[in-house]
Amino acid sequence: SARATDGDESERGPGRRTARAFPRGIRKSNHRGYIYYQACVYIEYVLLFSRMFRTLEPALDCLIVLSTVVRQAREMMHLPMEDRLPAAVRTVFANRGTTAEEWGIAIECRFERSLWIQGRLRSPRLRSVVAAESVLKRLAPFCRQNYVGRHRRGDLLLAARKAGLSLAWEAFKKHYLDICEEGGLNRADKAQRLRQQEALSAQARDAKLEKGSGEAYQEGPSYSESQEDLLVRSIRRLCRQWRAREKRLIDRAVRQRAQAQKAALLDARRAASEAERAKQRTWRERLRLGRDGTMAELLAEHDPAS
């Protein structure tokens, strides 16, 4: 798969489709005629990469360790992402008597600003857990989208909401450009690229805002959301997933039952057809051999009602 460039703003332009934005497993790439392998895992909007290896075995070892980090982070759901992921990274590598920096682990954030640009934004890849923790704490509030209410409030609410979204977007851009600059990227180039992406998405953005004028749509930081609210939202999401899974299982059972009935009917038809062909073969064979018998016996054997 193609290697991503650190700090690239958008993975795709408006109307373009690309490969999965969150790779997982072993990535194989060809660089100057040499094959390289790299382990990659993700949890929510954060990706973890190993360094590039010329052989597959060390990449698999890194994949096992990174998968352990993800599992450890998921076990600490009572903590926000900016706290539990660095803690999980430090714990897993400390148990191995080493650090993530020694293994060359890189951490990258990818997050959507679908109302303002098409695609996902990427932070620079960070090879320090301390730096990654700082980035996560600054970006975490902007990675939670909050949808409140679905009542029509009119154009006044639309104007107020649009102003609030603009302020949130400007605050997000400031943090994002600061992070890119700290990662060694050119701030002016990144700002220019963001402005171009905003201009390309302006028409679609206005259409979304007009269409959702009565839905109290809010995109941006949700500082008032407590840990209890996050837990309730997670439980509701799990309940929806369980209901969807139960429905899929029921639909699958119905399909399997219908397929079994159809197969049984086909088997019965094949058996009846084979029995009829066997009778006809027996009748023809007896005629060919000139077996002694009456015409009534032959007709009785050939009669389906007999």
C-alpha atoms as a PDB file:
ATOM      1  CA  SER A   1       0.000   0.000   0.000  1.00  0.00           C
ATOM      2  CA  ALA A   2       1.100   3.561  -0.616  1.00  0.00           C
ATOM      3  CA  ARG A   3       2.896   5.305   2.220  1.00  0.00           C
ATOM      4  CA  ALA A   4       1.261   8.386   3.666  1.00  0.00           C
ATOM      5  CA  THR A   5       3.122  11.676   3.913  1.00  0.00           C
ATOM      6  CA  ASP A   6       3.452  13.077   7.428  1.00  0.00           C
ATOM      7  CA  GLY A   7       1.134  15.989   8.046  1.00  0.00           C
ATOM      8  CA  ASP A   8      -0.734  15.757   4.757  1.00  0.00           C
ATOM      9  CA  GLU A   9      -3.992  17.700   5.136  1.00  0.00           C
ATOM     10  CA  SER A  10      -6.476  15.689   3.181  1.00  0.00           C
ATOM     11  CA  GLU A  11      -6.420  12.136   1.907  1.00  0.00           C
ATOM     12  CA  ARG A  12      -8.884  12.841  -0.868  1.00  0.00           C
ATOM     13  CA  GLY A  13     -10.512  15.744  -2.593  1.00  0.00           C
ATOM     14  CA  PRO A  14     -14.255  16.256  -3.025  1.00  0.00           C
ATOM     15  CA  GLY A  15     -15.893  13.398  -4.911  1.00  0.00           C
ATOM     16  CA  ARG A  16     -12.840  11.137  -4.887  1.00  0.00           C
ATOM     17  CA  ARG A  17     -12.690   7.727  -3.238  1.00  0.00           C
ATOM     18  CA  THR A  18      -9.521   6.243  -1.811  1.00  0.00           C
ATOM     19  CA  ALA A  19      -8.427   3.150   0.050  1.00  0.00           C
ATOM     20  CA  ARG A  20      -9.345   2.618   3.666  1.00  0.00           C
ATOM     21  CA  ALA A  21      -8.141   5.574   5.698  1.00  0.00           C
ATOM     22  CA  PHE A  22      -7.364   3.475   8.764  1.00  0.00           C
ATOM     23  CA  PRO A  23      -5.060   0.599   7.776  1.00  0.00           C
ATOM     24  CA  ARG A  24      -4.481  -2.279  10.156  1.00  0.00           C
ATOM     25  CA  GLY A  25      -2.056  -5.191  10.167  1.00  0.00           C
ATOM     26  CA  ILE A  26       1.116  -5.461   8.082  1.00  0.00           C
ATOM     27  CA  ARG A  27       1.694  -2.917   5.347  1.00  0.00           C
ATOM     28  CA  LYS A  28       3.955  -3.906   2.462  1.00  0.00           C
ATOM     29  CA  SER A  29       5.619  -1.213   0.376  1.00  0.00           C
ATOM     30  CA  ASN A  30       8.189  -1.017  -2.391  1.00  0.00           C
ATOM     31  CA  HIS A  31      10.813   1.717  -2.024  1.00  0.00           C
ATOM     32  CA  ARG A  32      13.624   2.024  -4.572  1.00  0.00           C
ATOM     33  CA  GLY A  33      13.346  -1.618  -5.511  1.00  0.00           C
ATOM     34  CA  TYR A  34      13.354  -2.934  -1.926  1.00  0.00           C
ATOM     35  CA  ILE A  35      10.397  -4.481  -0.116  1.00  0.00           C
ATOM     36  CA  TYR A  36       9.621  -3.098   3.359  1.00  0.00           C
ATOM     37  CA  TYR A  37       7.163  -4.257   6.003  1.00  0.00           C
ATOM     38  CA  GLN A  38       5.506  -2.119   8.650  1.00  0.00           C
ATOM     39  CA  ALA A  39       3.046  -2.932  11.457  1.00  0.00           C
ATOM     40  CA  CYS A  40       0.070  -0.629  11.914  1.00  0.00           C
ATOM     41  CA  VAL A  41      -2.900  -0.610  14.312  1.00  0.00           C
ATOM     42  CA  TYR A  42      -5.471   2.001  15.261  1.00  0.00           C
ATOM     43  CA  ILE A  43      -7.884   2.840  18.042  1.00  0.00           C
ATOM     44  CA  GLU A  44     -10.576   5.430  17.358  1.00  0.00           C
ATOM     45  CA  TYR A  45      -8.783   8.342  15.635  1.00  0.00           C
ATOM     46  CA  VAL A  46      -5.191   7.410  16.618  1.00  0.00           C
ATOM     47  CA  LEU A  47      -2.848   5.204  14.560  1.00  0.00           C
ATOM     48  CA  LEU A  48       0.339   3.529  15.777  1.00  0.00           C
ATOM     49  CA  PHE A  49       3.102   2.559  13.347  1.00  0.00           C
ATOM     50  CA  SER A  50       6.272   0.555  13.727  1.00  0.00           C
ATOM     51  CA  ARG A  51       9.469   1.384  11.871  1.00  0.00           C
ATOM     52  CA  MET A  52      10.033  -0.112   8.413  1.00  0.00           C
ATOM     53  CA  PHE A  53      11.660  -3.569   8.240  1.00  0.00           C
ATOM     54  CA  ARG A  54      13.287  -5.429   5.371  1.00  0.00           C
ATOM     55  CA  THR A  55      11.935  -8.788   6.670  1.00  0.00           C
ATOM     56  CA  LEU A  56       8.495  -9.831   7.835  1.00  0.00           C
ATOM     57  CA  GLU A  57       9.369 -11.392  11.224  1.00  0.00           C
ATOM     58  CA  PRO A  58      10.218  -8.197  13.166  1.00  0.00           C
ATOM     59  CA  ALA A  59       7.148  -6.479  11.713  1.00  0.00           C
ATOM     60  CA  LEU A  60       4.994  -9.316  13.060  1.00  0.00           C
ATOM     61  CA  ASP A  61       6.626  -8.962  16.484  1.00  0.00           C
ATOM     62  CA  CYS A  62       5.777  -5.248  16.472  1.00  0.00           C
ATOM     63  CA  LEU A  63       2.225  -6.013  15.400  1.00  0.00           C
ATOM     64  CA  ILE A  64       1.750  -8.290  18.410  1.00  0.00           C
ATOM     65  CA  VAL A  65       3.041  -5.591  20.770  1.00  0.00           C
ATOM     66  CA  LEU A  66       0.920  -2.833  19.200  1.00  0.00           C
ATOM     67  CA  SER A  67      -2.163  -5.051  19.328  1.00  0.00           C
ATOM     68  CA  THR A  68      -1.485  -5.514  23.046  1.00  0.00           C
ATOM     69  CA  VAL A  69      -1.348  -1.717  23.412  1.00  0.00           C
ATOM     70  CA  VAL A  70      -4.746  -1.356  21.724  1.00  0.00           C
ATOM     71  CA  ARG A  71      -6.259  -4.085  23.893  1.00  0.00           C
ATOM     72  CA  GLN A  72      -4.849  -2.456  27.036  1.00  0.00           C
ATOM     73  CA  ALA A  73      -6.235   0.940  26.006  1.00  0.00           C
ATOM     74  CA  ARG A  74      -9.683  -0.518  25.386  1.00  0.00           C
ATOM     75  CA  GLU A  75      -9.691  -1.982  28.883  1.00  0.00           C
ATOM     76  CA  MET A  76      -9.386   1.545  30.314  1.00  0.00           C
ATOM     77  CA  MET A  77     -12.549   2.970  28.784  1.00  0.00           C
ATOM     78  CA  HIS A  78     -13.235   4.938  31.968  1.00  0.00           C
ATOM     79  CA  LEU A  79     -10.386   7.269  30.952  1.00  0.00           C
ATOM     80  CA  PRO A  80     -10.429   9.679  28.006  1.00  0.00           C
ATOM     81  CA  MET A  81      -8.359   8.811  24.947  1.00  0.00           C
ATOM     82  CA  GLU A  82      -5.677  11.399  25.718  1.00  0.00           C
ATOM     83  CA  ASP A  83      -4.979   9.658  29.043  1.00  0.00           C
ATOM     84  CA  ARG A  84      -5.516   5.968  28.411  1.00  0.00           C
ATOM     85  CA  LEU A  85      -3.532   5.590  25.179  1.00  0.00           C
ATOM     86  CA  PRO A  86      -0.238   7.035  26.527  1.00  0.00           C
ATOM     87  CA  ALA A  87      -0.747   5.026  29.729  1.00  0.00           C
ATOM     88  CA  ALA A  88      -1.294   1.837  27.722  1.00  0.00           C
ATOM     89  CA  VAL A  89       1.815   2.490  25.587  1.00  0.00           C
ATOM     90  CA  ARG A  90       3.998   3.086  28.649  1.00  0.00           C
ATOM     91  CA  THR A  91       2.608   0.047  30.509  1.00  0.00           C
ATOM     92  CA  VAL A  92       3.020  -2.443  27.669  1.00  0.00           C
ATOM     93  CA  PHE A  93       6.565  -1.415  26.793  1.00  0.00           C
ATOM     94  CA  ALA A  94       7.557  -1.130  30.465  1.00  0.00           C
ATOM     95  CA  ASN A  95       6.507  -4.756  30.952  1.00  0.00           C
ATOM     96  CA  ARG A  96       9.002  -5.629  28.222  1.00  0.00           C
ATOM     97  CA  GLY A  97      11.754  -3.591  29.852  1.00  0.00           C
ATOM     98  CA  THR A  98      11.950  -1.022  27.064  1.00  0.00           C
ATOM     99  CA  THR A  99      10.228   2.085  25.709  1.00  0.00           C
ATOM    100  CA  ALA A 100       8.210   2.953  22.623  1.00  0.00           C
ATOM    101  CA  GLU A 101      10.949   5.368  21.539  1.00  0.00           C
ATOM    102  CA  GLU A 102      13.502   2.551  21.476  1.00  0.00           C
ATOM    103  CA  TRP A 103      11.197   0.481  19.281  1.00  0.00           C
ATOM    104  CA  GLY A 104      10.684   3.410  16.910  1.00  0.00           C
ATOM    105  CA  ILE A 105       6.915   3.547  17.390  1.00  0.00           C
ATOM    106  CA  ALA A 106       5.202   6.482  15.657  1.00  0.00           C
ATOM    107  CA  ILE A 107       1.810   7.920  16.655  1.00  0.00           C
ATOM    108  CA  GLU A 108      -0.467   9.792  14.272  1.00  0.00           C
ATOM    109  CA  CYS A 109      -3.948  11.338  14.572  1.00  0.00           C
ATOM    110  CA  ARG A 110      -6.508  11.270  11.764  1.00  0.00           C
ATOM    111  CA  PHE A 111      -9.766  13.078  12.243  1.00  0.00           C
ATOM    112  CA  GLU A 112     -12.665  14.261  10.145  1.00  0.00           C
ATOM    113  CA  ARG A 113     -13.794  17.800   9.511  1.00  0.00           C
ATOM    114  CA  SER A 114     -16.389  16.754   6.962  1.00  0.00           C
ATOM    115  CA  LEU A 115     -18.317  20.027   7.187  1.00  0.00           C
ATOM    116  CA  TRP A 116     -15.258  22.084   6.225  1.00  0.00           C
ATOM    117  CA  ILE A 117     -13.094  19.865   4.058  1.00  0.00           C
ATOM    118  CA  GLN A 118     -13.628  16.557   2.312  1.00  0.00           C
ATOM    119  CA  GLY A 119     -11.573  13.715   3.705  1.00  0.00           C
ATOM    120  CA  ARG A 120      -9.505  13.354   6.865  1.00  0.00           C
ATOM    121  CA  LEU A 121      -6.736  15.472   8.298  1.00  0.00           C
ATOM    122  CA  ARG A 122      -3.488  13.943   9.504  1.00  0.00           C
ATOM    123  CA  SER A 123      -1.160  15.138  12.174  1.00  0.00           C
ATOM    124  CA  PRO A 124       2.601  14.691  11.800  1.00  0.00           C
ATOM    125  CA  ARG A 125       3.842  11.320  12.982  1.00  0.00           C
ATOM    126  CA  LEU A 126       5.286  11.665  16.452  1.00  0.00           C
ATOM    127  CA  ARG A 127       7.952   9.325  17.816  1.00  0.00           C
ATOM    128  CA  SER A 128       7.736  10.571  21.385  1.00  0.00           C
ATOM    129  CA  VAL A 129       4.989   9.488  23.780  1.00  0.00           C
ATOM    130  CA  VAL A 130       5.218  12.812  25.622  1.00  0.00           C
ATOM    131  CA  ALA A 131       4.736  14.791  22.405  1.00  0.00           C
ATOM    132  CA  ALA A 132       1.895  12.510  21.323  1.00  0.00           C
ATOM    133  CA  GLU A 133       0.185  12.959  24.693  1.00  0.00           C
ATOM    134  CA  SER A 134       0.376  16.740  24.304  1.00  0.00           C
ATOM    135  CA  VAL A 135      -1.123  16.555  20.810  1.00  0.00           C
ATOM    136  CA  LEU A 136      -3.920  14.267  21.952  1.00  0.00           C
ATOM    137  CA  LYS A 137      -4.868  16.600  24.783  1.00  0.00           C
ATOM    138  CA  ARG A 138      -5.077  19.552  22.399  1.00  0.00           C
ATOM    139  CA  LEU A 139      -7.032  17.725  19.687  1.00  0.00           C
ATOM    140  CA  ALA A 140      -9.281  15.478  21.788  1.00  0.00           C
ATOM    141  CA  PRO A 141     -12.045  18.081  22.337  1.00  0.00           C
ATOM    142  CA  PHE A 142     -12.350  18.590  18.572  1.00  0.00           C
ATOM    143  CA  CYS A 143     -12.601  14.866  17.833  1.00  0.00           C
ATOM    144  CA  ARG A 144     -15.969  14.513  19.561  1.00  0.00           C
ATOM    145  CA  GLN A 145     -19.003  15.537  17.553  1.00  0.00           C
ATOM    146  CA  ASN A 146     -22.121  16.383  19.494  1.00  0.00           C
ATOM    147  CA  TYR A 147     -25.610  16.269  18.030  1.00  0.00           C
ATOM    148  CA  VAL A 148     -28.332  17.794  20.223  1.00  0.00           C
ATOM    149  CA  GLY A 149     -32.059  17.869  19.517  1.00  0.00           C
ATOM    150  CA  ARG A 150     -33.984  17.464  16.289  1.00  0.00           C
ATOM    151  CA  HIS A 151     -36.524  20.292  16.499  1.00  0.00           C
ATOM    152  CA  ARG A 152     -36.967  23.012  13.920  1.00  0.00           C
ATOM    153  CA  ARG A 153     -35.835  26.388  15.242  1.00  0.00           C
ATOM    154  CA  GLY A 154     -35.793  28.500  12.072  1.00  0.00           C
ATOM    155  CA  ASP A 155     -33.125  30.598  10.344  1.00  0.00           C
ATOM    156  CA  LEU A 156     -32.099  32.419  13.519  1.00  0.00           C
ATOM    157  CA  LEU A 157     -30.774  29.195  15.005  1.00  0.00           C
ATOM    158  CA  LEU A 158     -29.061  28.396  11.710  1.00  0.00           C
ATOM    159  CA  ALA A 159     -27.200  31.727  11.792  1.00  0.00           C
ATOM    160  CA  ALA A 160     -26.192  31.242  15.416  1.00  0.00           C
ATOM    161  CA  ARG A 161     -25.086  27.701  14.787  1.00  0.00           C
ATOM    162  CA  LYS A 162     -23.081  28.657  11.716  1.00  0.00           C
ATOM    163  CA  ALA A 163     -21.260  31.337  13.725  1.00  0.00           C
ATOM    164  CA  GLY A 164     -20.492  28.808  16.476  1.00  0.00           C
ATOM    165  CA  LEU A 165     -19.181  26.298  13.974  1.00  0.00           C
ATOM    166  CA  SER A 166     -16.934  28.925  12.392  1.00  0.00           C
ATOM    167  CA  LEU A 167     -15.428  29.784  15.768  1.00  0.00           C
ATOM    168  CA  ALA A 168     -14.853  26.112  16.545  1.00  0.00           C
ATOM    169  CA  TRP A 169     -13.252  25.557  13.139  1.00  0.00           C
ATOM    170  CA  GLU A 170     -10.916  28.522  13.568  1.00  0.00           C
ATOM    171  CA  ALA A 171      -9.897  27.277  17.027  1.00  0.00           C
ATOM    172  CA  PHE A 172      -9.267  23.808  15.606  1.00  0.00           C
ATOM    173  CA  LYS A 173      -7.176  25.185  12.736  1.00  0.00           C
ATOM    174  CA  LYS A 174      -4.989  27.132  15.162  1.00  0.00           C
ATOM    175  CA  HIS A 175      -4.227  24.005  17.188  1.00  0.00           C
ATOM    176  CA  TYR A 176      -3.695  21.935  14.061  1.00  0.00           C
ATOM    177  CA  LEU A 177      -1.303  24.424  12.470  1.00  0.00           C
ATOM    178  CA  ASP A 178       0.611  24.745  15.751  1.00  0.00           C
ATOM    179  CA  ILE A 179       1.057  20.972  15.843  1.00  0.00           C
ATOM    180  CA  CYS A 180       2.184  20.860  12.209  1.00  0.00           C
ATOM    181  CA  GLU A 181       4.691  23.636  12.846  1.00  0.00           C
ATOM    182  CA  GLU A 182       6.037  21.837  15.906  1.00  0.00           C
ATOM    183  CA  GLY A 183       6.419  18.727  13.749  1.00  0.00           C
ATOM    184  CA  GLY A 184       8.716  20.581  11.363  1.00  0.00           C
ATOM    185  CA  LEU A 185       6.169  21.353   8.647  1.00  0.00           C
ATOM    186  CA  ASN A 186       5.667  24.701   6.951  1.00  0.00           C
ATOM    187  CA  ARG A 187       2.805  26.547   8.636  1.00  0.00           C
ATOM    188  CA  ALA A 188       2.088  28.858   5.709  1.00  0.00           C
ATOM    189  CA  ASP A 189       1.837  25.969   3.240  1.00  0.00           C
ATOM    190  CA  LYS A 190      -0.511  24.077   5.535  1.00  0.00           C
ATOM    191  CA  ALA A 191      -2.711  27.126   6.074  1.00  0.00           C
ATOM    192  CA  GLN A 192      -2.882  27.758   2.316  1.00  0.00           C
ATOM    193  CA  ARG A 193      -3.814  24.130   1.695  1.00  0.00           C
ATOM    194  CA  LEU A 194      -6.597  24.317   4.285  1.00  0.00           C
ATOM    195  CA  ARG A 195      -7.990  27.479   2.692  1.00  0.00           C
ATOM    196  CA  GLN A 196      -8.067  25.761  -0.690  1.00  0.00           C
ATOM    197  CA  GLN A 197      -9.884  22.785   0.783  1.00  0.00           C
ATOM    198  CA  GLU A 198     -12.391  25.098   2.488  1.00  0.00           C
ATOM    199  CA  ALA A 199     -13.102  26.843  -0.810  1.00  0.00           C
ATOM    200  CA  LEU A 200     -13.624  23.532  -2.619  1.00  0.00           C
ATOM    201  CA  SER A 201     -16.117  22.389   0.032  1.00  0.00           C
ATOM    202  CA  ALA A 202     -17.970  25.705   0.429  1.00  0.00           C
ATOM    203  CA  GLN A 203     -20.941  24.764  -1.748  1.00  0.00           C
ATOM    204  CA  ALA A 204     -21.431  21.368  -0.118  1.00  0.00           C
ATOM    205  CA  ARG A 205     -21.032  22.927   3.337  1.00  0.00           C
ATOM    206  CA  ASP A 206     -23.746  25.525   2.691  1.00  0.00           C
ATOM    207  CA  ALA A 207     -26.066  22.805   1.394  1.00  0.00           C
ATOM    208  CA  LYS A 208     -25.513  20.728   4.542  1.00  0.00           C
ATOM    209  CA  LEU A 209     -26.202  23.692   6.794  1.00  0.00           C
ATOM    210  CA  GLU A 210     -29.376  24.614   4.905  1.00  0.00           C
ATOM    211  CA  LYS A 211     -30.591  21.030   4.894  1.00  0.00           C
ATOM    212  CA  GLY A 212     -29.903  20.598   8.598  1.00  0.00           C
ATOM    213  CA  SER A 213     -31.220  24.000   9.661  1.00  0.00           C
ATOM    214  CA  GLY A 214     -33.726  22.438  12.061  1.00  0.00           C
ATOM    215  CA  GLU A 215     -31.523  19.741  13.533  1.00  0.00           C
ATOM    216  CA  ALA A 216     -29.394  21.819  15.913  1.00  0.00           C
ATOM    217  CA  TYR A 217     -26.266  20.339  14.379  1.00  0.00           C
ATOM    218  CA  GLN A 218     -23.102  21.157  16.272  1.00  0.00           C
ATOM    219  CA  GLU A 219     -19.648  20.166  15.137  1.00  0.00           C
ATOM    220  CA  GLY A 220     -16.611  20.989  17.193  1.00  0.00           C
ATOM    221  CA  PRO A 221     -15.582  20.918  20.826  1.00  0.00           C
ATOM    222  CA  SER A 222     -17.988  19.611  23.423  1.00  0.00           C
ATOM    223  CA  TYR A 223     -16.264  20.735  26.600  1.00  0.00           C
ATOM    224  CA  SER A 224     -19.417  20.262  28.694  1.00  0.00           C
ATOM    225  CA  GLU A 225     -19.615  16.521  27.961  1.00  0.00           C
ATOM    226  CA  SER A 226     -18.744  14.642  31.134  1.00  0.00           C
ATOM    227  CA  GLN A 227     -17.352  11.153  31.526  1.00  0.00           C
ATOM    228  CA  GLU A 228     -20.841   9.960  32.519  1.00  0.00           C
ATOM    229  CA  ASP A 229     -22.233  11.313  29.236  1.00  0.00           C
ATOM    230  CA  LEU A 230     -19.496   9.557  27.299  1.00  0.00           C
ATOM    231  CA  LEU A 231     -20.233   6.302  29.127  1.00  0.00           C
ATOM    232  CA  VAL A 232     -23.975   6.576  28.448  1.00  0.00           C
ATOM    233  CA  ARG A 233     -23.283   7.295  24.788  1.00  0.00           C
ATOM    234  CA  SER A 234     -20.979   4.275  24.581  1.00  0.00           C
ATOM    235  CA  ILE A 235     -23.603   2.028  26.194  1.00  0.00           C
ATOM    236  CA  ARG A 236     -26.256   3.230  23.752  1.00  0.00           C
ATOM    237  CA  ARG A 237     -23.920   2.565  20.846  1.00  0.00           C
ATOM    238  CA  LEU A 238     -23.254  -0.957  22.128  1.00  0.00           C
ATOM    239  CA  CYS A 239     -27.003  -1.577  22.492  1.00  0.00           C
ATOM    240  CA  ARG A 240     -27.548  -0.481  18.891  1.00  0.00           C
ATOM    241  CA  GLN A 241     -24.757  -2.784  17.749  1.00  0.00           C
ATOM    242  CA  TRP A 242     -26.210  -5.718  19.682  1.00  0.00           C
ATOM    243  CA  ARG A 243     -29.680  -5.137  18.240  1.00  0.00           C
ATOM    244  CA  ALA A 244     -28.230  -4.929  14.729  1.00  0.00           C
ATOM    245  CA  ARG A 245     -26.222  -8.113  15.325  1.00  0.00           C
ATOM    246  CA  GLU A 246     -29.327  -9.929  16.624  1.00  0.00           C
ATOM    247  CA  LYS A 247     -31.272  -8.848  13.553  1.00  0.00           C
ATOM    248  CA  ARG A 248     -28.474 -10.087  11.287  1.00  0.00           C
ATOM    249  CA  LEU A 249     -28.463 -13.458  13.068  1.00  0.00           C
ATOM    250  CA  ILE A 250     -32.247 -13.805  12.717  1.00  0.00           C
ATOM    251  CA  ASP A 251     -32.113 -12.876   9.022  1.00  0.00           C
ATOM    252  CA  ARG A 252     -29.299 -15.369   8.499  1.00  0.00           C
ATOM    253  CA  ALA A 253     -31.314 -18.146  10.212  1.00  0.00           C
ATOM    254  CA  VAL A 254     -34.329 -17.389   8.011  1.00  0.00           C
ATOM    255  CA  ARG A 255     -32.180 -17.509   4.885  1.00  0.00           C
ATOM    256  CA  GLN A 256     -30.559 -20.777   5.950  1.00  0.00           C
ATOM    257  CA  ARG A 257     -33.966 -22.323   6.674  1.00  0.00           C
ATOM    258  CA  ALA A 258     -35.280 -21.280   3.256  1.00  0.00           C
ATOM    259  CA  GLN A 259     -32.144 -22.622   1.585  1.00  0.00           C
ATOM    260  CA  ALA A 260     -32.487 -25.940   3.446  1.00  0.00           C
ATOM    261  CA  GLN A 261     -36.130 -26.285   2.366  1.00  0.00           C
ATOM    262  CA  LYS A 262     -35.204 -25.511  -1.224  1.00  0.00           C
ATOM    263  CA  ALA A 263     -32.359 -28.040  -1.133  1.00  0.00           C
ATOM    264  CA  ALA A 264     -34.674 -30.726   0.322  1.00  0.00           C
ATOM    265  CA  LEU A 265     -37.215 -30.093  -2.431  1.00  0.00           C
ATOM    266  CA  LEU A 266     -34.536 -30.345  -5.099  1.00  0.00           C
ATOM    267  CA  ASP A 267     -33.242 -33.590  -3.568  1.00  0.00           C
ATOM    268  CA  ALA A 268     -36.754 -35.071  -3.591  1.00  0.00           C
ATOM    269  CA  ARG A 269     -37.211 -34.102  -7.235  1.00  0.00           C
ATOM    270  CA  ARG A 270     -33.844 -35.604  -8.159  1.00  0.00           C
ATOM    271  CA  ALA A 271     -34.699 -38.841  -6.327  1.00  0.00           C
ATOM    272  CA  ALA A 272     -38.057 -39.143  -8.106  1.00  0.00           C
ATOM    273  CA  SER A 273     -36.443 -38.426 -11.470  1.00  0.00           C
ATOM    274  CA  GLU A 274     -33.688 -40.948 -10.824  1.00  0.00           C
ATOM    275  CA  ALA A 275     -36.268 -43.632  -9.846  1.00  0.00           C
ATOM    276  CA  GLU A 276     -38.208 -42.967 -13.053  1.00  0.00           C
ATOM    277  CA  ARG A 277     -35.042 -43.233 -15.138  1.00  0.00           C
ATOM    278  CA  ALA A 278     -34.144 -46.490 -13.374  1.00  0.00           C
ATOM    279  CA  LYS A 279     -37.522 -47.992 -14.269  1.00  0.00           C
ATOM    280  CA  GLN A 280     -37.107 -46.962 -17.883  1.00  0.00           C
ATOM    281  CA  ARG A 281     -33.606 -48.462 -18.018  1.00  0.00           C
ATOM    282  CA  THR A 282     -34.908 -51.737 -16.571  1.00  0.00           C
ATOM    283  CA  TRP A 283     -37.715 -51.872 -19.115  1.00  0.00           C
ATOM    284  CA  ARG A 284     -35.396 -51.197 -22.047  1.00  0.00           C
ATOM    285  CA  GLU A 285     -32.885 -53.752 -20.787  1.00  0.00           C
ATOM    286  CA  ARG A 286     -35.495 -56.473 -20.538  1.00  0.00           C
ATOM    287  CA  LEU A 287     -36.713 -55.700 -24.035  1.00  0.00           C
ATOM    288  CA  ARG A 288     -33.170 -55.817 -25.363  1.00  0.00           C
ATOM    289  CA  LEU A 289     -32.401 -59.187 -23.757  1.00  0.00           C
ATOM    290  CA  GLY A 290     -35.711 -60.661 -24.922  1.00  0.00           C
ATOM    291  CA  ARG A 291     -36.795 -61.681 -21.420  1.00  0.00           C
ATOM    292  CA  ASP A 292     -39.799 -63.982 -21.309  1.00  0.00           C
ATOM    293  CA  GLY A 293     -42.788 -62.165 -19.942  1.00  0.00           C
ATOM    294  CA  THR A 294     -46.111 -60.857 -20.855  1.00  0.00           C
ATOM    295  CA  MET A 295     -46.782 -57.401 -22.197  1.00  0.00           C
ATOM    296  CA  ALA A 296     -48.992 -56.748 -19.132  1.00  0.00           C
ATOM    297  CA  GLU A 297     -46.001 -57.283 -16.796  1.00  0.00           C
ATOM    298  CA  LEU A 298     -43.850 -54.836 -18.782  1.00  0.00           C
ATOM    299  CA  LEU A 299     -46.586 -52.239 -18.844  1.00  0.00           C
ATOM    300  CA  ALA A 300     -47.188 -52.700 -15.102  1.00  0.00           C
ATOM    301  CA  GLU A 301     -43.517 -52.058 -14.352  1.00  0.00           C
ATOM    302  CA  HIS A 302     -43.517 -48.947 -16.548  1.00  0.00           C
ATOM    303  CA  ASP A 303     -46.774 -47.553 -15.163  1.00  0.00           C
ATOM    304  CA  PRO A 304     -45.981 -44.759 -12.611  1.00  0.00           C
ATOM    305  CA  ALA A 305     -49.158 -45.532 -10.677  1.00  0.00           C
ATOM    306  CA  SER A 306     -48.083 -49.130 -10.036  1.00  0.00           C
END
